[in-house]
Amino acid sequence: MLQYRQRRQRRQECKDLAAKSCYSVILVIIALVAVRPLMVDQILSRAAAYSAVGQLDESRRQCDKALLIDDDSSDAWCQLARIQRVRGDRPAAYAAYDRAVQADRANGPANFELGMMYADDGRYQLAIPYFEQVRRLGADPTAEGQLRADSYHRAALHMLVQCYEKVGDPLKTEMALKEIRVFYPGYGSDKDLPASLRNPDLAR
């Protein structure tokens, strides 16, 4: 009876230890999931800082670190695409932007910048869906509730006017013009986008 009780006690102790280990593992996993976005954001801040001073190789390494932590980070793929654009590797930039928008369809900058690449290459029909996506995401008001004059939403509407003109769709051109004038009454015949939007890598 004594041996039986000892064996039963040891089994219970093993069960308790196993349960505590499982709880510890679960808590560690939960902590890693919660911290992961913060880690990625911090790494991407460094990547943007390196890119801003022209250290593209180091910026690329920071992006690689972020993607090792989260391979579906839309912001990491977007930052990597900007680096490839600056380097002149447009196929790689297209591929990275595509990963960015697949990972997060609500990533306005990634959609806009990919649309700009297509527009710059004269591929207006391919650019339109990405500008339309930014349009669907809506305007980005300031803290005071006013619409930003240099927002991606305004810039996307501006580019839709140009793209629909290029593909010969006067009805959609007029609709985009009307919408931009409703949201941004000061819109006139400006031909150029703000530098920070046409060349987003310059602002990062």
N, C-alpha and C. Protein backbone atom coordinates (compact mmCIF):
# COMPACT_ATOMS: atom_id res chain seq x y z
N MET A 1 0.83 -1.21 0.00
CA MET A 1 0.00 0.00 0.00
C MET A 1 0.86 1.26 0.00
N LEU A 2 1.97 1.19 0.75
CA LEU A 2 2.85 2.34 0.82
C LEU A 2 3.48 2.63 -0.54
N GLN A 3 3.92 1.56 -1.21
CA GLN A 3 4.51 1.74 -2.54
C GLN A 3 3.47 2.27 -3.53
N TYR A 4 2.26 1.76 -3.42
CA TYR A 4 1.19 2.21 -4.30
C TYR A 4 0.92 3.70 -4.12
N ARG A 5 0.86 4.11 -2.84
CA ARG A 5 0.63 5.53 -2.56
C ARG A 5 1.78 6.39 -3.08
N GLN A 6 3.01 5.89 -2.93
CA GLN A 6 4.17 6.66 -3.41
C GLN A 6 4.13 6.80 -4.94
N ARG A 7 3.80 5.69 -5.62
CA ARG A 7 3.71 5.75 -7.08
C ARG A 7 2.62 6.72 -7.52
N ARG A 8 1.47 6.65 -6.84
CA ARG A 8 0.36 7.55 -7.20
C ARG A 8 0.74 9.00 -6.94
N GLN A 9 1.47 9.25 -5.85
CA GLN A 9 1.91 10.61 -5.56
C GLN A 9 2.88 11.13 -6.60
N ARG A 10 3.82 10.21 -7.03
CA ARG A 10 4.78 10.62 -8.06
C ARG A 10 4.07 10.92 -9.38
N ARG A 11 3.06 10.10 -9.73
CA ARG A 11 2.31 10.35 -10.95
C ARG A 11 1.59 11.69 -10.89
N GLN A 12 1.02 11.98 -9.73
CA GLN A 12 0.33 13.26 -9.57
C GLN A 12 1.30 14.43 -9.67
N GLU A 13 2.49 14.24 -9.07
CA GLU A 13 3.51 15.29 -9.15
C GLU A 13 3.95 15.50 -10.59
N CYS A 14 4.10 14.42 -11.35
CA CYS A 14 4.47 14.54 -12.77
C CYS A 14 3.39 15.26 -13.56
N LYS A 15 2.11 14.93 -13.27
CA LYS A 15 1.00 15.60 -13.95
C LYS A 15 0.99 17.09 -13.64
N ASP A 16 1.21 17.42 -12.36
CA ASP A 16 1.23 18.84 -11.97
C ASP A 16 2.37 19.57 -12.66
N LEU A 17 3.55 18.91 -12.72
CA LEU A 17 4.70 19.53 -13.38
C LEU A 17 4.44 19.74 -14.86
N ALA A 18 3.82 18.73 -15.50
CA ALA A 18 3.51 18.84 -16.93
C ALA A 18 2.51 19.97 -17.17
N ALA A 19 1.51 20.07 -16.30
CA ALA A 19 0.50 21.13 -16.45
C ALA A 19 1.14 22.51 -16.31
N LYS A 20 2.03 22.65 -15.31
CA LYS A 20 2.71 23.93 -15.12
C LYS A 20 3.58 24.28 -16.31
N SER A 21 4.25 23.27 -16.89
CA SER A 21 5.10 23.49 -18.06
C SER A 21 4.28 23.96 -19.25
N CYS A 22 3.12 23.30 -19.42
CA CYS A 22 2.23 23.70 -20.53
C CYS A 22 1.75 25.14 -20.36
N TYR A 23 1.38 25.49 -19.14
CA TYR A 23 0.94 26.87 -18.89
C TYR A 23 2.06 27.85 -19.18
N SER A 24 3.28 27.49 -18.80
CA SER A 24 4.44 28.37 -19.03
C SER A 24 4.68 28.56 -20.52
N VAL A 25 4.59 27.46 -21.28
CA VAL A 25 4.79 27.54 -22.73
C VAL A 25 3.72 28.42 -23.37
N ILE A 26 2.47 28.22 -22.92
CA ILE A 26 1.37 29.02 -23.46
C ILE A 26 1.59 30.50 -23.16
N LEU A 27 2.01 30.81 -21.95
CA LEU A 27 2.25 32.21 -21.58
C LEU A 27 3.38 32.81 -22.41
N VAL A 28 4.44 32.02 -22.66
CA VAL A 28 5.55 32.50 -23.48
C VAL A 28 5.08 32.78 -24.91
N ILE A 29 4.27 31.87 -25.45
CA ILE A 29 3.75 32.05 -26.82
C ILE A 29 2.89 33.30 -26.91
N ILE A 30 2.02 33.49 -25.92
CA ILE A 30 1.15 34.67 -25.90
C ILE A 30 1.99 35.94 -25.82
N ALA A 31 3.03 35.91 -24.99
CA ALA A 31 3.91 37.08 -24.85
C ALA A 31 4.62 37.39 -26.15
N LEU A 32 5.10 36.34 -26.85
CA LEU A 32 5.80 36.55 -28.13
C LEU A 32 4.86 37.12 -29.18
N VAL A 33 3.63 36.60 -29.22
CA VAL A 33 2.64 37.12 -30.19
C VAL A 33 2.35 38.58 -29.91
N ALA A 34 2.24 38.94 -28.63
CA ALA A 34 1.92 40.33 -28.27
C ALA A 34 3.09 41.27 -28.57
N VAL A 35 4.31 40.78 -28.35
CA VAL A 35 5.49 41.64 -28.51
C VAL A 35 5.95 41.73 -29.96
N ARG A 36 5.63 40.73 -30.77
CA ARG A 36 6.15 40.67 -32.13
C ARG A 36 5.89 41.94 -32.95
N PRO A 37 4.65 42.47 -32.96
CA PRO A 37 4.43 43.70 -33.74
C PRO A 37 5.29 44.87 -33.26
N LEU A 38 5.52 44.96 -31.96
CA LEU A 38 6.35 46.04 -31.43
C LEU A 38 7.80 45.88 -31.88
N MET A 39 8.27 44.63 -31.90
CA MET A 39 9.63 44.37 -32.36
C MET A 39 9.79 44.73 -33.83
N VAL A 40 8.81 44.34 -34.63
CA VAL A 40 8.86 44.64 -36.07
C VAL A 40 8.84 46.15 -36.31
N ASP A 41 7.97 46.86 -35.60
CA ASP A 41 7.89 48.31 -35.75
C ASP A 41 9.22 48.98 -35.40
N GLN A 42 9.84 48.52 -34.33
CA GLN A 42 11.11 49.10 -33.92
C GLN A 42 12.20 48.86 -34.97
N ILE A 43 12.24 47.65 -35.51
CA ILE A 43 13.23 47.32 -36.53
C ILE A 43 13.00 48.14 -37.79
N LEU A 44 11.73 48.29 -38.17
CA LEU A 44 11.42 49.05 -39.39
C LEU A 44 11.72 50.54 -39.21
N SER A 45 11.62 51.04 -38.00
CA SER A 45 12.01 52.44 -37.75
C SER A 45 13.50 52.62 -38.03
N ARG A 46 14.29 51.63 -37.62
CA ARG A 46 15.72 51.69 -37.90
C ARG A 46 15.97 51.57 -39.40
N ALA A 47 15.21 50.70 -40.06
CA ALA A 47 15.37 50.53 -41.51
C ALA A 47 15.09 51.83 -42.24
N ALA A 48 14.02 52.52 -41.85
CA ALA A 48 13.68 53.80 -42.48
C ALA A 48 14.75 54.85 -42.22
N ALA A 49 15.30 54.85 -41.00
CA ALA A 49 16.35 55.82 -40.67
C ALA A 49 17.60 55.57 -41.50
N TYR A 50 17.99 54.32 -41.64
CA TYR A 50 19.16 54.00 -42.47
C TYR A 50 18.91 54.39 -43.93
N SER A 51 17.70 54.12 -44.41
CA SER A 51 17.36 54.46 -45.80
C SER A 51 17.42 55.96 -46.03
N ALA A 52 16.98 56.73 -45.03
CA ALA A 52 16.94 58.19 -45.16
C ALA A 52 18.34 58.80 -45.32
N VAL A 53 19.36 58.12 -44.77
CA VAL A 53 20.73 58.65 -44.90
C VAL A 53 21.52 57.89 -45.96
N GLY A 54 20.81 57.11 -46.78
CA GLY A 54 21.47 56.46 -47.91
C GLY A 54 22.14 55.14 -47.62
N GLN A 55 21.99 54.61 -46.41
CA GLN A 55 22.61 53.33 -46.06
C GLN A 55 21.63 52.19 -46.42
N LEU A 56 21.53 51.94 -47.72
CA LEU A 56 20.52 51.01 -48.21
C LEU A 56 20.81 49.57 -47.82
N ASP A 57 22.08 49.18 -47.79
CA ASP A 57 22.40 47.80 -47.41
C ASP A 57 21.98 47.52 -45.97
N GLU A 58 22.27 48.47 -45.09
CA GLU A 58 21.88 48.28 -43.69
C GLU A 58 20.36 48.32 -43.55
N SER A 59 19.72 49.19 -44.32
CA SER A 59 18.25 49.25 -44.29
C SER A 59 17.67 47.92 -44.75
N ARG A 60 18.27 47.34 -45.78
CA ARG A 60 17.81 46.04 -46.29
C ARG A 60 17.99 44.96 -45.22
N ARG A 61 19.10 44.99 -44.50
CA ARG A 61 19.31 44.00 -43.44
C ARG A 61 18.25 44.12 -42.35
N GLN A 62 17.87 45.36 -42.02
CA GLN A 62 16.83 45.55 -41.00
C GLN A 62 15.49 45.00 -41.49
N CYS A 63 15.20 45.18 -42.77
CA CYS A 63 13.97 44.63 -43.34
C CYS A 63 13.98 43.10 -43.27
N ASP A 64 15.14 42.52 -43.58
CA ASP A 64 15.26 41.06 -43.51
C ASP A 64 15.02 40.56 -42.09
N LYS A 65 15.53 41.30 -41.10
CA LYS A 65 15.30 40.93 -39.70
C LYS A 65 13.80 40.97 -39.39
N ALA A 66 13.14 42.03 -39.83
CA ALA A 66 11.71 42.16 -39.57
C ALA A 66 10.93 41.02 -40.20
N LEU A 67 11.32 40.64 -41.42
CA LEU A 67 10.61 39.57 -42.12
C LEU A 67 10.89 38.20 -41.52
N LEU A 68 12.04 38.05 -40.87
CA LEU A 68 12.30 36.80 -40.15
C LEU A 68 11.34 36.65 -38.97
N ILE A 69 11.02 37.78 -38.35
CA ILE A 69 10.08 37.75 -37.23
C ILE A 69 8.65 37.60 -37.71
N ASP A 70 8.32 38.30 -38.80
CA ASP A 70 6.96 38.26 -39.33
C ASP A 70 7.02 38.35 -40.86
N ASP A 71 6.94 37.19 -41.51
CA ASP A 71 7.06 37.13 -42.97
C ASP A 71 5.86 37.78 -43.66
N ASP A 72 4.78 38.03 -42.93
CA ASP A 72 3.59 38.66 -43.51
C ASP A 72 3.49 40.14 -43.13
N SER A 73 4.59 40.74 -42.73
CA SER A 73 4.55 42.16 -42.37
C SER A 73 4.44 43.01 -43.62
N SER A 74 3.29 43.60 -43.84
CA SER A 74 3.07 44.44 -45.02
C SER A 74 4.02 45.64 -45.02
N ASP A 75 4.24 46.24 -43.85
CA ASP A 75 5.12 47.40 -43.77
C ASP A 75 6.57 47.03 -44.09
N ALA A 76 7.00 45.83 -43.68
CA ALA A 76 8.37 45.40 -43.98
C ALA A 76 8.55 45.19 -45.48
N TRP A 77 7.58 44.56 -46.12
CA TRP A 77 7.67 44.38 -47.57
C TRP A 77 7.62 45.71 -48.31
N CYS A 78 6.83 46.64 -47.79
CA CYS A 78 6.74 47.97 -48.41
C CYS A 78 8.07 48.71 -48.31
N GLN A 79 8.70 48.66 -47.13
CA GLN A 79 9.99 49.31 -46.95
C GLN A 79 11.05 48.67 -47.84
N LEU A 80 11.01 47.35 -47.97
CA LEU A 80 11.94 46.65 -48.84
C LEU A 80 11.73 47.07 -50.29
N ALA A 81 10.48 47.25 -50.70
CA ALA A 81 10.17 47.69 -52.06
C ALA A 81 10.76 49.08 -52.34
N ARG A 82 10.69 49.96 -51.34
CA ARG A 82 11.25 51.30 -51.51
C ARG A 82 12.76 51.24 -51.74
N ILE A 83 13.41 50.36 -51.01
CA ILE A 83 14.86 50.20 -51.18
C ILE A 83 15.18 49.73 -52.59
N GLN A 84 14.42 48.76 -53.07
CA GLN A 84 14.64 48.24 -54.43
C GLN A 84 14.37 49.31 -55.48
N ARG A 85 13.38 50.16 -55.22
CA ARG A 85 13.10 51.26 -56.15
C ARG A 85 14.30 52.20 -56.26
N VAL A 86 14.84 52.59 -55.11
CA VAL A 86 15.98 53.50 -55.10
C VAL A 86 17.17 52.86 -55.82
N ARG A 87 17.34 51.57 -55.66
CA ARG A 87 18.45 50.86 -56.31
C ARG A 87 18.23 50.69 -57.81
N GLY A 88 17.01 50.93 -58.25
CA GLY A 88 16.71 50.78 -59.67
C GLY A 88 16.31 49.37 -60.07
N ASP A 89 16.09 48.50 -59.10
CA ASP A 89 15.67 47.13 -59.39
C ASP A 89 14.15 47.08 -59.38
N ARG A 90 13.55 47.48 -60.48
CA ARG A 90 12.10 47.60 -60.53
C ARG A 90 11.38 46.25 -60.45
N PRO A 91 11.87 45.18 -61.08
CA PRO A 91 11.19 43.89 -60.90
C PRO A 91 11.12 43.46 -59.43
N ALA A 92 12.23 43.65 -58.70
CA ALA A 92 12.23 43.29 -57.28
C ALA A 92 11.30 44.20 -56.49
N ALA A 93 11.24 45.48 -56.87
CA ALA A 93 10.35 46.42 -56.19
C ALA A 93 8.89 46.04 -56.43
N TYR A 94 8.57 45.72 -57.68
CA TYR A 94 7.21 45.28 -57.98
C TYR A 94 6.83 44.06 -57.13
N ALA A 95 7.74 43.10 -57.05
CA ALA A 95 7.46 41.87 -56.31
C ALA A 95 7.24 42.16 -54.83
N ALA A 96 8.07 43.04 -54.25
CA ALA A 96 7.94 43.36 -52.83
C ALA A 96 6.66 44.14 -52.56
N TYR A 97 6.33 45.09 -53.43
CA TYR A 97 5.07 45.82 -53.26
C TYR A 97 3.87 44.87 -53.35
N ASP A 98 3.97 43.91 -54.27
CA ASP A 98 2.88 42.95 -54.42
C ASP A 98 2.68 42.15 -53.14
N ARG A 99 3.80 41.74 -52.51
CA ARG A 99 3.70 41.02 -51.23
C ARG A 99 3.09 41.92 -50.16
N ALA A 100 3.44 43.20 -50.20
CA ALA A 100 2.92 44.14 -49.19
C ALA A 100 1.41 44.27 -49.29
N VAL A 101 0.89 44.43 -50.50
CA VAL A 101 -0.56 44.62 -50.64
C VAL A 101 -1.32 43.31 -50.46
N GLN A 102 -0.67 42.18 -50.75
CA GLN A 102 -1.32 40.90 -50.47
C GLN A 102 -1.44 40.67 -48.97
N ALA A 103 -0.40 41.08 -48.24
CA ALA A 103 -0.40 40.89 -46.78
C ALA A 103 -1.43 41.79 -46.11
N ASP A 104 -1.65 42.98 -46.68
CA ASP A 104 -2.60 43.92 -46.06
C ASP A 104 -3.18 44.82 -47.14
N ARG A 105 -4.41 44.51 -47.55
CA ARG A 105 -5.06 45.31 -48.60
C ARG A 105 -5.33 46.74 -48.13
N ALA A 106 -5.32 46.96 -46.82
CA ALA A 106 -5.59 48.30 -46.28
C ALA A 106 -4.32 49.13 -46.13
N ASN A 107 -3.20 48.66 -46.64
CA ASN A 107 -1.96 49.42 -46.58
C ASN A 107 -1.98 50.48 -47.68
N GLY A 108 -2.45 51.67 -47.33
CA GLY A 108 -2.59 52.74 -48.31
C GLY A 108 -1.30 53.13 -49.00
N PRO A 109 -0.21 53.37 -48.25
CA PRO A 109 1.05 53.74 -48.90
C PRO A 109 1.54 52.68 -49.89
N ALA A 110 1.43 51.40 -49.53
CA ALA A 110 1.90 50.34 -50.43
C ALA A 110 1.08 50.32 -51.71
N ASN A 111 -0.25 50.44 -51.59
CA ASN A 111 -1.10 50.47 -52.77
C ASN A 111 -0.79 51.68 -53.65
N PHE A 112 -0.64 52.83 -53.01
CA PHE A 112 -0.37 54.05 -53.78
C PHE A 112 0.98 53.97 -54.49
N GLU A 113 2.00 53.54 -53.77
CA GLU A 113 3.34 53.51 -54.36
C GLU A 113 3.44 52.48 -55.48
N LEU A 114 2.73 51.35 -55.34
CA LEU A 114 2.71 50.38 -56.43
C LEU A 114 1.99 50.96 -57.64
N GLY A 115 0.88 51.65 -57.39
CA GLY A 115 0.18 52.32 -58.49
C GLY A 115 1.07 53.34 -59.18
N MET A 116 1.86 54.09 -58.40
CA MET A 116 2.77 55.08 -58.98
C MET A 116 3.83 54.42 -59.85
N MET A 117 4.31 53.26 -59.45
CA MET A 117 5.31 52.57 -60.27
C MET A 117 4.71 52.20 -61.63
N TYR A 118 3.50 51.65 -61.60
CA TYR A 118 2.85 51.30 -62.86
C TYR A 118 2.61 52.55 -63.71
N ALA A 119 2.16 53.63 -63.08
CA ALA A 119 1.90 54.87 -63.82
C ALA A 119 3.19 55.43 -64.41
N ASP A 120 4.26 55.43 -63.64
CA ASP A 120 5.55 55.93 -64.13
C ASP A 120 6.05 55.11 -65.31
N ASP A 121 5.68 53.83 -65.34
CA ASP A 121 6.09 52.96 -66.45
C ASP A 121 5.09 52.99 -67.60
N GLY A 122 4.09 53.87 -67.50
CA GLY A 122 3.11 54.00 -68.57
C GLY A 122 2.08 52.88 -68.60
N ARG A 123 1.99 52.10 -67.54
CA ARG A 123 1.04 50.98 -67.48
C ARG A 123 -0.18 51.40 -66.66
N TYR A 124 -0.92 52.34 -67.25
CA TYR A 124 -1.99 53.02 -66.50
C TYR A 124 -3.13 52.08 -66.12
N GLN A 125 -3.46 51.14 -66.99
CA GLN A 125 -4.56 50.22 -66.68
C GLN A 125 -4.23 49.37 -65.46
N LEU A 126 -2.96 49.01 -65.30
CA LEU A 126 -2.56 48.23 -64.14
C LEU A 126 -2.47 49.10 -62.89
N ALA A 127 -2.21 50.38 -63.06
CA ALA A 127 -2.10 51.29 -61.92
C ALA A 127 -3.46 51.58 -61.28
N ILE A 128 -4.49 51.63 -62.09
CA ILE A 128 -5.82 52.07 -61.63
C ILE A 128 -6.35 51.28 -60.42
N PRO A 129 -6.29 49.93 -60.41
CA PRO A 129 -6.85 49.21 -59.25
C PRO A 129 -6.21 49.60 -57.92
N TYR A 130 -4.93 49.94 -57.93
CA TYR A 130 -4.25 50.28 -56.68
C TYR A 130 -4.64 51.69 -56.21
N PHE A 131 -4.80 52.62 -57.16
CA PHE A 131 -5.30 53.94 -56.78
C PHE A 131 -6.75 53.86 -56.32
N GLU A 132 -7.52 52.98 -56.96
CA GLU A 132 -8.91 52.80 -56.55
C GLU A 132 -8.99 52.24 -55.13
N GLN A 133 -8.05 51.35 -54.78
CA GLN A 133 -8.04 50.81 -53.43
C GLN A 133 -7.78 51.90 -52.40
N VAL A 134 -6.84 52.80 -52.70
CA VAL A 134 -6.57 53.93 -51.80
C VAL A 134 -7.82 54.81 -51.71
N ARG A 135 -8.47 55.00 -52.83
CA ARG A 135 -9.71 55.79 -52.84
C ARG A 135 -10.76 55.17 -51.92
N ARG A 136 -10.88 53.82 -51.98
CA ARG A 136 -11.87 53.14 -51.14
C ARG A 136 -11.52 53.23 -49.66
N LEU A 137 -10.24 53.31 -49.36
CA LEU A 137 -9.84 53.41 -47.95
C LEU A 137 -10.28 54.73 -47.33
N GLY A 138 -10.52 55.73 -48.18
CA GLY A 138 -11.07 56.99 -47.69
C GLY A 138 -10.04 58.02 -47.29
N ALA A 139 -10.55 59.20 -46.95
CA ALA A 139 -9.69 60.31 -46.59
C ALA A 139 -9.10 60.12 -45.20
N ASP A 140 -7.99 60.79 -44.97
CA ASP A 140 -7.29 60.69 -43.68
C ASP A 140 -7.30 62.07 -43.03
N PRO A 141 -8.29 62.31 -42.15
CA PRO A 141 -8.38 63.65 -41.54
C PRO A 141 -7.29 63.89 -40.51
N THR A 142 -6.98 65.16 -40.30
CA THR A 142 -6.02 65.55 -39.27
C THR A 142 -6.71 65.50 -37.91
N ALA A 143 -5.95 65.80 -36.87
CA ALA A 143 -6.51 65.80 -35.52
C ALA A 143 -7.62 66.83 -35.39
N GLU A 144 -7.55 67.88 -36.21
CA GLU A 144 -8.57 68.93 -36.15
C GLU A 144 -9.80 68.57 -36.98
N GLY A 145 -9.76 67.39 -37.64
CA GLY A 145 -10.91 66.96 -38.43
C GLY A 145 -10.89 67.44 -39.86
N GLN A 146 -9.83 68.14 -40.28
CA GLN A 146 -9.73 68.62 -41.65
C GLN A 146 -8.96 67.61 -42.49
N LEU A 147 -9.21 67.62 -43.79
CA LEU A 147 -8.56 66.67 -44.68
C LEU A 147 -7.17 67.18 -45.05
N ARG A 148 -6.21 66.27 -45.03
CA ARG A 148 -4.83 66.63 -45.35
C ARG A 148 -4.69 66.89 -46.85
N ALA A 149 -4.05 68.00 -47.19
CA ALA A 149 -3.86 68.34 -48.60
C ALA A 149 -2.84 67.43 -49.26
N ASP A 150 -1.96 66.81 -48.47
CA ASP A 150 -0.94 65.93 -49.05
C ASP A 150 -1.22 64.46 -48.74
N SER A 151 -2.50 64.11 -48.54
CA SER A 151 -2.84 62.75 -48.15
C SER A 151 -2.75 61.80 -49.35
N TYR A 152 -2.60 60.52 -49.06
CA TYR A 152 -2.60 59.52 -50.12
C TYR A 152 -3.95 59.48 -50.83
N HIS A 153 -5.02 59.74 -50.09
CA HIS A 153 -6.35 59.74 -50.69
C HIS A 153 -6.45 60.81 -51.78
N ARG A 154 -6.02 62.02 -51.47
CA ARG A 154 -6.07 63.10 -52.46
C ARG A 154 -5.16 62.79 -53.64
N ALA A 155 -3.96 62.28 -53.34
CA ALA A 155 -3.01 61.96 -54.40
C ALA A 155 -3.54 60.84 -55.29
N ALA A 156 -4.23 59.86 -54.68
CA ALA A 156 -4.78 58.77 -55.48
C ALA A 156 -5.88 59.27 -56.41
N LEU A 157 -6.73 60.17 -55.93
CA LEU A 157 -7.76 60.76 -56.79
C LEU A 157 -7.12 61.54 -57.94
N HIS A 158 -6.08 62.28 -57.60
CA HIS A 158 -5.34 63.05 -58.60
C HIS A 158 -4.79 62.12 -59.69
N MET A 159 -4.22 60.99 -59.27
CA MET A 159 -3.66 60.05 -60.23
C MET A 159 -4.75 59.32 -61.01
N LEU A 160 -5.90 59.09 -60.39
CA LEU A 160 -7.00 58.45 -61.12
C LEU A 160 -7.48 59.34 -62.26
N VAL A 161 -7.52 60.65 -62.01
CA VAL A 161 -7.89 61.58 -63.09
C VAL A 161 -6.95 61.40 -64.27
N GLN A 162 -5.66 61.37 -63.99
CA GLN A 162 -4.66 61.23 -65.06
C GLN A 162 -4.74 59.87 -65.74
N CYS A 163 -4.89 58.81 -64.93
CA CYS A 163 -4.91 57.46 -65.50
C CYS A 163 -6.14 57.24 -66.38
N TYR A 164 -7.30 57.69 -65.89
CA TYR A 164 -8.51 57.51 -66.70
C TYR A 164 -8.45 58.34 -67.98
N GLU A 165 -7.78 59.49 -67.93
CA GLU A 165 -7.56 60.26 -69.14
C GLU A 165 -6.69 59.49 -70.12
N LYS A 166 -5.63 58.86 -69.59
CA LYS A 166 -4.69 58.13 -70.44
C LYS A 166 -5.33 56.91 -71.10
N VAL A 167 -6.23 56.23 -70.38
CA VAL A 167 -6.85 55.03 -70.96
C VAL A 167 -8.11 55.37 -71.75
N GLY A 168 -8.47 56.65 -71.81
CA GLY A 168 -9.60 57.08 -72.63
C GLY A 168 -10.95 56.76 -72.04
N ASP A 169 -11.12 57.07 -70.74
CA ASP A 169 -12.41 56.84 -70.08
C ASP A 169 -12.90 58.17 -69.51
N PRO A 170 -13.55 59.00 -70.36
CA PRO A 170 -13.95 60.35 -69.93
C PRO A 170 -14.96 60.35 -68.78
N LEU A 171 -15.84 59.34 -68.71
CA LEU A 171 -16.84 59.30 -67.65
C LEU A 171 -16.18 59.13 -66.28
N LYS A 172 -15.27 58.19 -66.18
CA LYS A 172 -14.59 57.96 -64.91
C LYS A 172 -13.62 59.11 -64.59
N THR A 173 -13.08 59.72 -65.63
CA THR A 173 -12.23 60.89 -65.41
C THR A 173 -13.03 61.99 -64.73
N GLU A 174 -14.22 62.24 -65.26
CA GLU A 174 -15.08 63.30 -64.70
C GLU A 174 -15.54 62.95 -63.28
N MET A 175 -15.82 61.68 -63.05
CA MET A 175 -16.25 61.26 -61.71
C MET A 175 -15.13 61.47 -60.69
N ALA A 176 -13.91 61.14 -61.08
CA ALA A 176 -12.77 61.34 -60.18
C ALA A 176 -12.54 62.82 -59.93
N LEU A 177 -12.71 63.64 -60.97
CA LEU A 177 -12.56 65.09 -60.82
C LEU A 177 -13.60 65.65 -59.85
N LYS A 178 -14.83 65.21 -60.00
CA LYS A 178 -15.90 65.69 -59.12
C LYS A 178 -15.62 65.29 -57.68
N GLU A 179 -15.17 64.07 -57.49
CA GLU A 179 -14.92 63.58 -56.12
C GLU A 179 -13.79 64.35 -55.47
N ILE A 180 -12.73 64.60 -56.20
CA ILE A 180 -11.59 65.31 -55.61
C ILE A 180 -11.97 66.75 -55.28
N ARG A 181 -12.83 67.35 -56.08
CA ARG A 181 -13.24 68.73 -55.80
C ARG A 181 -14.22 68.81 -54.63
N VAL A 182 -14.97 67.72 -54.39
CA VAL A 182 -15.85 67.68 -53.23
C VAL A 182 -15.03 67.57 -51.95
N PHE A 183 -14.07 66.65 -51.95
CA PHE A 183 -13.25 66.43 -50.76
C PHE A 183 -12.22 67.53 -50.55
N TYR A 184 -11.69 68.07 -51.66
CA TYR A 184 -10.61 69.06 -51.57
C TYR A 184 -10.97 70.25 -52.46
N PRO A 185 -11.78 71.18 -51.94
CA PRO A 185 -12.30 72.30 -52.74
C PRO A 185 -11.20 73.14 -53.39
N GLY A 186 -10.01 73.16 -52.82
CA GLY A 186 -8.94 73.96 -53.40
C GLY A 186 -8.25 73.31 -54.56
N TYR A 187 -8.69 72.13 -54.94
CA TYR A 187 -8.02 71.42 -56.04
C TYR A 187 -8.22 72.18 -57.35
N GLY A 188 -7.12 72.36 -58.05
CA GLY A 188 -7.20 73.09 -59.32
C GLY A 188 -6.56 72.30 -60.43
N SER A 189 -5.65 72.91 -61.13
CA SER A 189 -5.02 72.27 -62.28
C SER A 189 -3.58 71.88 -61.96
N ASP A 190 -3.31 71.56 -60.66
CA ASP A 190 -1.94 71.21 -60.29
C ASP A 190 -1.51 69.95 -61.02
N LYS A 191 -0.28 69.97 -61.54
CA LYS A 191 0.20 68.88 -62.37
C LYS A 191 1.06 67.89 -61.60
N ASP A 192 1.66 68.33 -60.54
CA ASP A 192 2.62 67.48 -59.85
C ASP A 192 2.15 67.11 -58.45
N LEU A 193 2.45 65.90 -58.06
CA LEU A 193 2.17 65.47 -56.69
C LEU A 193 3.25 66.01 -55.76
N PRO A 194 2.95 66.10 -54.45
CA PRO A 194 4.00 66.46 -53.49
C PRO A 194 5.16 65.48 -53.61
N ALA A 195 6.39 65.99 -53.43
CA ALA A 195 7.57 65.15 -53.58
C ALA A 195 7.53 63.95 -52.65
N SER A 196 6.98 64.13 -51.44
CA SER A 196 6.94 63.04 -50.46
C SER A 196 6.04 61.90 -50.90
N LEU A 197 5.10 62.18 -51.83
CA LEU A 197 4.22 61.13 -52.32
C LEU A 197 4.72 60.53 -53.62
N ARG A 198 5.26 61.38 -54.51
CA ARG A 198 5.79 60.84 -55.76
C ARG A 198 7.05 60.03 -55.50
N ASN A 199 7.88 60.48 -54.55
CA ASN A 199 9.10 59.76 -54.19
C ASN A 199 9.07 59.46 -52.70
N PRO A 200 8.26 58.47 -52.28
CA PRO A 200 8.06 58.23 -50.85
C PRO A 200 9.34 57.89 -50.12
N ASP A 201 10.34 57.34 -50.81
CA ASP A 201 11.60 57.00 -50.12
C ASP A 201 12.33 58.23 -49.64
N LEU A 202 12.05 59.39 -50.22
CA LEU A 202 12.72 60.62 -49.79
C LEU A 202 12.21 61.08 -48.41
N ALA A 203 11.00 60.67 -48.07
CA ALA A 203 10.39 61.13 -46.81
C ALA A 203 10.61 60.12 -45.69
N ARG A 204 11.40 59.08 -45.95
CA ARG A 204 11.57 58.05 -44.93
C ARG A 204 13.03 57.80 -44.67
